[in-house]
Amino acid sequence: NHDTMIAICDEYADGRDMSWLWDVDFTCFSGSGVTCVSGTRAWDMALRLQYDKVASRNVNTDLEEDVKTFVNGDFSSDAKNAKRIYCTYTAMLRVRSTLGQIASVKDVGVGK
């Protein structure tokens, strides 16, 4: 079993236009649902998942706090579940930074 988090941001490097969300088939998540949806465009993503009949829980725009809660298993029915995070580029940078505060994450030198 695994838990899934999707983090969507719309900063300059990601592009501001979120219409691409509608080009993606998210039905692969319909069985397990999405444990957490986060980022500046969390509500856009949650709406998109709803159209594909994918259950999404814990929708919030506070990405850093959500990453910590997700990794600690507080959103999950089983804290031992493997974790998967799908994200846009700038969300990934923020996720890596937050993960670096709670786990050993290799510094890839991005943004320096």
N, C-alpha and C. Protein backbone atom coordinates (compact mmCIF):
# COMPACT_ATOMS: atom_id res chain seq x y z
N ASN A 1 0.83 -1.20 0.00
CA ASN A 1 0.00 0.00 0.00
C ASN A 1 0.87 1.25 0.00
N HIS A 2 0.31 2.32 -0.51
CA HIS A 2 1.04 3.58 -0.54
C HIS A 2 0.06 4.74 -0.42
N ASP A 3 0.60 5.87 0.00
CA ASP A 3 -0.15 7.12 0.07
C ASP A 3 0.38 8.04 -1.01
N THR A 4 -0.51 8.83 -1.59
CA THR A 4 -0.13 9.72 -2.68
C THR A 4 -0.41 11.17 -2.31
N MET A 5 0.56 12.02 -2.61
CA MET A 5 0.40 13.46 -2.46
C MET A 5 0.64 14.09 -3.83
N ILE A 6 -0.17 15.07 -4.19
CA ILE A 6 0.04 15.84 -5.41
C ILE A 6 0.20 17.29 -5.00
N ALA A 7 1.30 17.91 -5.45
CA ALA A 7 1.58 19.31 -5.12
C ALA A 7 1.70 20.10 -6.42
N ILE A 8 0.81 21.07 -6.58
CA ILE A 8 0.77 21.87 -7.80
C ILE A 8 0.99 23.35 -7.45
N CYS A 9 2.01 23.94 -8.06
CA CYS A 9 2.26 25.38 -7.91
C CYS A 9 2.20 26.02 -9.29
N ASP A 10 2.10 27.33 -9.30
CA ASP A 10 2.00 28.04 -10.58
C ASP A 10 2.97 29.21 -10.63
N GLU A 11 4.16 28.99 -10.12
CA GLU A 11 5.16 30.04 -10.19
C GLU A 11 5.70 30.14 -11.62
N TYR A 12 6.50 31.15 -11.88
CA TYR A 12 6.97 31.43 -13.24
C TYR A 12 7.56 30.19 -13.92
N ALA A 13 8.41 29.45 -13.23
CA ALA A 13 9.07 28.28 -13.83
C ALA A 13 8.10 27.14 -14.15
N ASP A 14 6.95 27.13 -13.49
CA ASP A 14 5.93 26.11 -13.77
C ASP A 14 5.01 26.54 -14.91
N GLY A 15 4.83 27.83 -15.04
CA GLY A 15 3.83 28.38 -15.93
C GLY A 15 2.58 28.70 -15.13
N ARG A 16 1.95 29.78 -15.46
CA ARG A 16 0.76 30.22 -14.71
C ARG A 16 -0.52 29.55 -15.20
N ASP A 17 -0.52 29.09 -16.43
CA ASP A 17 -1.71 28.50 -17.03
C ASP A 17 -1.87 27.06 -16.55
N MET A 18 -2.95 26.79 -15.85
CA MET A 18 -3.19 25.47 -15.30
C MET A 18 -4.07 24.59 -16.20
N SER A 19 -4.31 25.02 -17.42
CA SER A 19 -5.19 24.25 -18.30
C SER A 19 -4.62 22.86 -18.60
N TRP A 20 -3.31 22.67 -18.46
CA TRP A 20 -2.71 21.37 -18.71
C TRP A 20 -3.25 20.30 -17.76
N LEU A 21 -3.73 20.70 -16.59
CA LEU A 21 -4.31 19.72 -15.66
C LEU A 21 -5.45 18.94 -16.32
N TRP A 22 -6.13 19.58 -17.24
CA TRP A 22 -7.29 18.95 -17.90
C TRP A 22 -6.86 18.03 -19.03
N ASP A 23 -5.58 18.05 -19.41
CA ASP A 23 -5.06 17.15 -20.45
C ASP A 23 -4.56 15.83 -19.87
N VAL A 24 -4.48 15.74 -18.56
CA VAL A 24 -3.92 14.57 -17.89
C VAL A 24 -5.04 13.65 -17.43
N ASP A 25 -4.84 12.35 -17.63
CA ASP A 25 -5.80 11.35 -17.17
C ASP A 25 -5.38 10.91 -15.76
N PHE A 26 -6.18 11.27 -14.77
CA PHE A 26 -5.87 10.94 -13.38
C PHE A 26 -6.62 9.72 -12.87
N THR A 27 -7.29 9.00 -13.76
CA THR A 27 -8.09 7.85 -13.31
C THR A 27 -7.23 6.75 -12.69
N CYS A 28 -5.92 6.78 -12.91
CA CYS A 28 -5.05 5.78 -12.28
C CYS A 28 -5.10 5.88 -10.76
N PHE A 29 -5.56 7.02 -10.24
CA PHE A 29 -5.68 7.20 -8.79
C PHE A 29 -7.08 6.89 -8.28
N SER A 30 -7.98 6.48 -9.16
CA SER A 30 -9.38 6.31 -8.74
C SER A 30 -9.56 5.20 -7.71
N GLY A 31 -8.72 4.19 -7.73
CA GLY A 31 -8.85 3.11 -6.76
C GLY A 31 -8.39 3.50 -5.36
N SER A 32 -7.24 4.13 -5.29
CA SER A 32 -6.65 4.46 -3.99
C SER A 32 -6.96 5.87 -3.52
N GLY A 33 -7.32 6.74 -4.45
CA GLY A 33 -7.53 8.14 -4.10
C GLY A 33 -6.20 8.84 -3.86
N VAL A 34 -6.29 10.11 -3.53
CA VAL A 34 -5.10 10.92 -3.25
C VAL A 34 -5.19 11.37 -1.80
N THR A 35 -4.16 11.06 -1.04
CA THR A 35 -4.15 11.35 0.39
C THR A 35 -4.09 12.84 0.68
N CYS A 36 -3.30 13.57 -0.10
CA CYS A 36 -3.12 15.00 0.15
C CYS A 36 -2.91 15.73 -1.17
N VAL A 37 -3.59 16.86 -1.31
CA VAL A 37 -3.40 17.76 -2.45
C VAL A 37 -2.95 19.10 -1.87
N SER A 38 -1.82 19.61 -2.37
CA SER A 38 -1.26 20.81 -1.77
C SER A 38 -0.66 21.71 -2.84
N GLY A 39 -0.16 22.86 -2.39
CA GLY A 39 0.47 23.83 -3.27
C GLY A 39 -0.46 25.00 -3.54
N THR A 40 0.06 26.00 -4.24
CA THR A 40 -0.72 27.20 -4.50
C THR A 40 -1.95 26.91 -5.34
N ARG A 41 -1.93 25.86 -6.12
CA ARG A 41 -3.07 25.48 -6.95
C ARG A 41 -3.74 24.19 -6.47
N ALA A 42 -3.70 23.96 -5.17
CA ALA A 42 -4.29 22.74 -4.60
C ALA A 42 -5.77 22.60 -4.94
N TRP A 43 -6.50 23.69 -4.86
CA TRP A 43 -7.95 23.61 -5.10
C TRP A 43 -8.25 23.36 -6.57
N ASP A 44 -7.43 23.87 -7.49
CA ASP A 44 -7.59 23.56 -8.91
C ASP A 44 -7.37 22.06 -9.15
N MET A 45 -6.35 21.52 -8.49
CA MET A 45 -6.04 20.10 -8.64
C MET A 45 -7.15 19.24 -8.04
N ALA A 46 -7.65 19.63 -6.88
CA ALA A 46 -8.73 18.87 -6.24
C ALA A 46 -9.97 18.84 -7.13
N LEU A 47 -10.28 19.97 -7.76
CA LEU A 47 -11.41 20.02 -8.68
C LEU A 47 -11.18 19.09 -9.86
N ARG A 48 -9.96 19.12 -10.40
CA ARG A 48 -9.65 18.25 -11.55
C ARG A 48 -9.80 16.79 -11.17
N LEU A 49 -9.33 16.40 -9.99
CA LEU A 49 -9.47 15.02 -9.54
C LEU A 49 -10.94 14.64 -9.39
N GLN A 50 -11.73 15.57 -8.92
CA GLN A 50 -13.16 15.31 -8.74
C GLN A 50 -13.81 14.94 -10.08
N TYR A 51 -13.42 15.59 -11.15
CA TYR A 51 -13.98 15.28 -12.47
C TYR A 51 -13.61 13.88 -12.93
N ASP A 52 -12.47 13.36 -12.50
CA ASP A 52 -12.08 11.98 -12.82
C ASP A 52 -12.54 11.00 -11.74
N LYS A 53 -13.39 11.48 -10.85
CA LYS A 53 -13.94 10.65 -9.77
C LYS A 53 -12.84 10.04 -8.89
N VAL A 54 -11.84 10.86 -8.59
CA VAL A 54 -10.75 10.47 -7.71
C VAL A 54 -10.95 11.17 -6.38
N ALA A 55 -11.07 10.39 -5.33
CA ALA A 55 -11.23 10.97 -4.00
C ALA A 55 -9.95 11.68 -3.59
N SER A 56 -10.09 12.89 -3.10
CA SER A 56 -8.93 13.61 -2.58
C SER A 56 -9.26 14.10 -1.18
N ARG A 57 -8.34 13.85 -0.28
CA ARG A 57 -8.52 14.25 1.11
C ARG A 57 -7.44 15.28 1.44
N ASN A 58 -7.67 16.03 2.47
CA ASN A 58 -6.64 16.94 2.99
C ASN A 58 -6.14 17.91 1.93
N VAL A 59 -7.03 18.72 1.41
CA VAL A 59 -6.67 19.74 0.42
C VAL A 59 -6.30 21.01 1.17
N ASN A 60 -5.08 21.52 0.89
CA ASN A 60 -4.57 22.67 1.61
C ASN A 60 -3.51 23.35 0.76
N THR A 61 -3.30 24.63 0.94
CA THR A 61 -2.28 25.34 0.17
C THR A 61 -0.95 25.51 0.91
N ASP A 62 -0.85 25.06 2.15
CA ASP A 62 0.38 25.19 2.93
C ASP A 62 1.29 23.99 2.64
N LEU A 63 2.06 24.09 1.57
CA LEU A 63 2.84 22.97 1.08
C LEU A 63 3.84 22.43 2.10
N GLU A 64 4.59 23.31 2.73
CA GLU A 64 5.61 22.85 3.67
C GLU A 64 4.99 22.08 4.83
N GLU A 65 3.93 22.60 5.40
CA GLU A 65 3.26 21.92 6.52
C GLU A 65 2.65 20.60 6.06
N ASP A 66 2.08 20.60 4.86
CA ASP A 66 1.47 19.37 4.34
C ASP A 66 2.51 18.29 4.09
N VAL A 67 3.69 18.65 3.60
CA VAL A 67 4.75 17.66 3.39
C VAL A 67 5.12 17.01 4.71
N LYS A 68 5.32 17.82 5.74
CA LYS A 68 5.67 17.27 7.05
C LYS A 68 4.59 16.33 7.57
N THR A 69 3.34 16.75 7.47
CA THR A 69 2.23 15.93 7.95
C THR A 69 2.12 14.66 7.12
N PHE A 70 2.26 14.76 5.82
CA PHE A 70 2.17 13.61 4.92
C PHE A 70 3.27 12.59 5.23
N VAL A 71 4.51 13.05 5.33
CA VAL A 71 5.64 12.16 5.58
C VAL A 71 5.52 11.48 6.94
N ASN A 72 5.04 12.21 7.93
CA ASN A 72 4.87 11.63 9.27
C ASN A 72 3.72 10.64 9.34
N GLY A 73 2.92 10.56 8.28
CA GLY A 73 1.82 9.60 8.25
C GLY A 73 0.56 10.07 8.93
N ASP A 74 0.49 11.35 9.29
CA ASP A 74 -0.68 11.85 10.01
C ASP A 74 -1.93 11.91 9.15
N PHE A 75 -1.79 11.91 7.82
CA PHE A 75 -2.95 11.91 6.92
C PHE A 75 -3.41 10.48 6.62
N SER A 76 -2.59 9.50 6.95
CA SER A 76 -2.81 8.13 6.52
C SER A 76 -3.48 7.28 7.59
N SER A 77 -4.17 6.26 7.13
CA SER A 77 -4.73 5.29 8.07
C SER A 77 -3.63 4.34 8.54
N ASP A 78 -2.52 4.27 7.80
CA ASP A 78 -1.39 3.42 8.17
C ASP A 78 -0.10 4.20 7.94
N ALA A 79 0.52 4.64 9.02
CA ALA A 79 1.72 5.47 8.93
C ALA A 79 2.88 4.76 8.24
N LYS A 80 2.83 3.43 8.14
CA LYS A 80 3.91 2.68 7.52
C LYS A 80 3.79 2.61 6.00
N ASN A 81 2.71 3.12 5.44
CA ASN A 81 2.55 3.10 3.98
C ASN A 81 3.69 3.84 3.30
N ALA A 82 4.10 3.32 2.14
CA ALA A 82 5.07 4.04 1.31
C ALA A 82 4.44 5.35 0.86
N LYS A 83 5.26 6.34 0.60
CA LYS A 83 4.77 7.67 0.21
C LYS A 83 5.23 8.00 -1.21
N ARG A 84 4.30 8.55 -2.00
CA ARG A 84 4.61 9.01 -3.35
C ARG A 84 4.16 10.46 -3.47
N ILE A 85 5.04 11.30 -4.00
CA ILE A 85 4.71 12.71 -4.19
C ILE A 85 4.91 13.06 -5.66
N TYR A 86 3.85 13.53 -6.28
CA TYR A 86 3.89 14.01 -7.66
C TYR A 86 3.76 15.53 -7.61
N CYS A 87 4.64 16.24 -8.31
CA CYS A 87 4.60 17.70 -8.16
C CYS A 87 5.14 18.43 -9.38
N THR A 88 4.82 19.70 -9.44
CA THR A 88 5.39 20.58 -10.45
C THR A 88 6.82 20.94 -10.03
N TYR A 89 7.55 21.59 -10.92
CA TYR A 89 8.95 21.90 -10.68
C TYR A 89 9.17 22.72 -9.40
N THR A 90 8.51 23.85 -9.27
CA THR A 90 8.76 24.68 -8.09
C THR A 90 8.21 24.03 -6.83
N ALA A 91 7.17 23.25 -6.95
CA ALA A 91 6.69 22.50 -5.78
C ALA A 91 7.76 21.50 -5.35
N MET A 92 8.42 20.86 -6.32
CA MET A 92 9.47 19.90 -6.01
C MET A 92 10.61 20.55 -5.24
N LEU A 93 10.98 21.77 -5.62
CA LEU A 93 12.05 22.47 -4.91
C LEU A 93 11.65 22.70 -3.45
N ARG A 94 10.42 23.10 -3.23
CA ARG A 94 9.93 23.33 -1.87
C ARG A 94 9.79 22.02 -1.10
N VAL A 95 9.35 20.96 -1.78
CA VAL A 95 9.23 19.65 -1.14
C VAL A 95 10.61 19.17 -0.70
N ARG A 96 11.60 19.27 -1.59
CA ARG A 96 12.97 18.83 -1.24
C ARG A 96 13.51 19.61 -0.06
N SER A 97 13.28 20.90 -0.04
CA SER A 97 13.75 21.73 1.06
C SER A 97 13.11 21.29 2.38
N THR A 98 11.83 21.04 2.35
CA THR A 98 11.13 20.60 3.56
C THR A 98 11.58 19.20 3.97
N LEU A 99 11.73 18.31 3.01
CA LEU A 99 12.20 16.96 3.33
C LEU A 99 13.60 17.01 3.96
N GLY A 100 14.42 17.95 3.50
CA GLY A 100 15.76 18.11 4.05
C GLY A 100 15.77 18.49 5.52
N GLN A 101 14.67 19.05 6.00
CA GLN A 101 14.55 19.40 7.42
C GLN A 101 14.19 18.20 8.29
N ILE A 102 13.61 17.16 7.66
CA ILE A 102 13.13 16.02 8.46
C ILE A 102 13.76 14.69 8.07
N ALA A 103 14.55 14.69 6.99
CA ALA A 103 15.18 13.44 6.53
C ALA A 103 16.48 13.79 5.81
N SER A 104 17.24 12.78 5.51
CA SER A 104 18.48 12.99 4.77
C SER A 104 18.17 13.04 3.28
N VAL A 105 18.27 14.25 2.71
CA VAL A 105 18.00 14.46 1.29
C VAL A 105 19.24 15.08 0.68
N LYS A 106 19.75 14.47 -0.36
CA LYS A 106 20.96 14.96 -1.01
C LYS A 106 20.73 16.35 -1.59
N ASP A 107 21.66 17.26 -1.32
CA ASP A 107 21.61 18.61 -1.87
C ASP A 107 22.05 18.54 -3.33
N VAL A 108 21.14 18.91 -4.23
CA VAL A 108 21.46 18.87 -5.65
C VAL A 108 21.93 20.22 -6.18
N GLY A 109 22.04 21.21 -5.30
CA GLY A 109 22.57 22.50 -5.67
C GLY A 109 21.65 23.38 -6.49
N VAL A 110 20.38 23.05 -6.54
CA VAL A 110 19.43 23.85 -7.31
C VAL A 110 19.14 25.13 -6.56
N GLY A 111 19.16 26.23 -7.27
CA GLY A 111 18.82 27.51 -6.66
C GLY A 111 19.99 28.20 -5.98
N LYS A 112 21.19 27.70 -6.19
CA LYS A 112 22.36 28.32 -5.55
C LYS A 112 23.15 29.10 -6.56
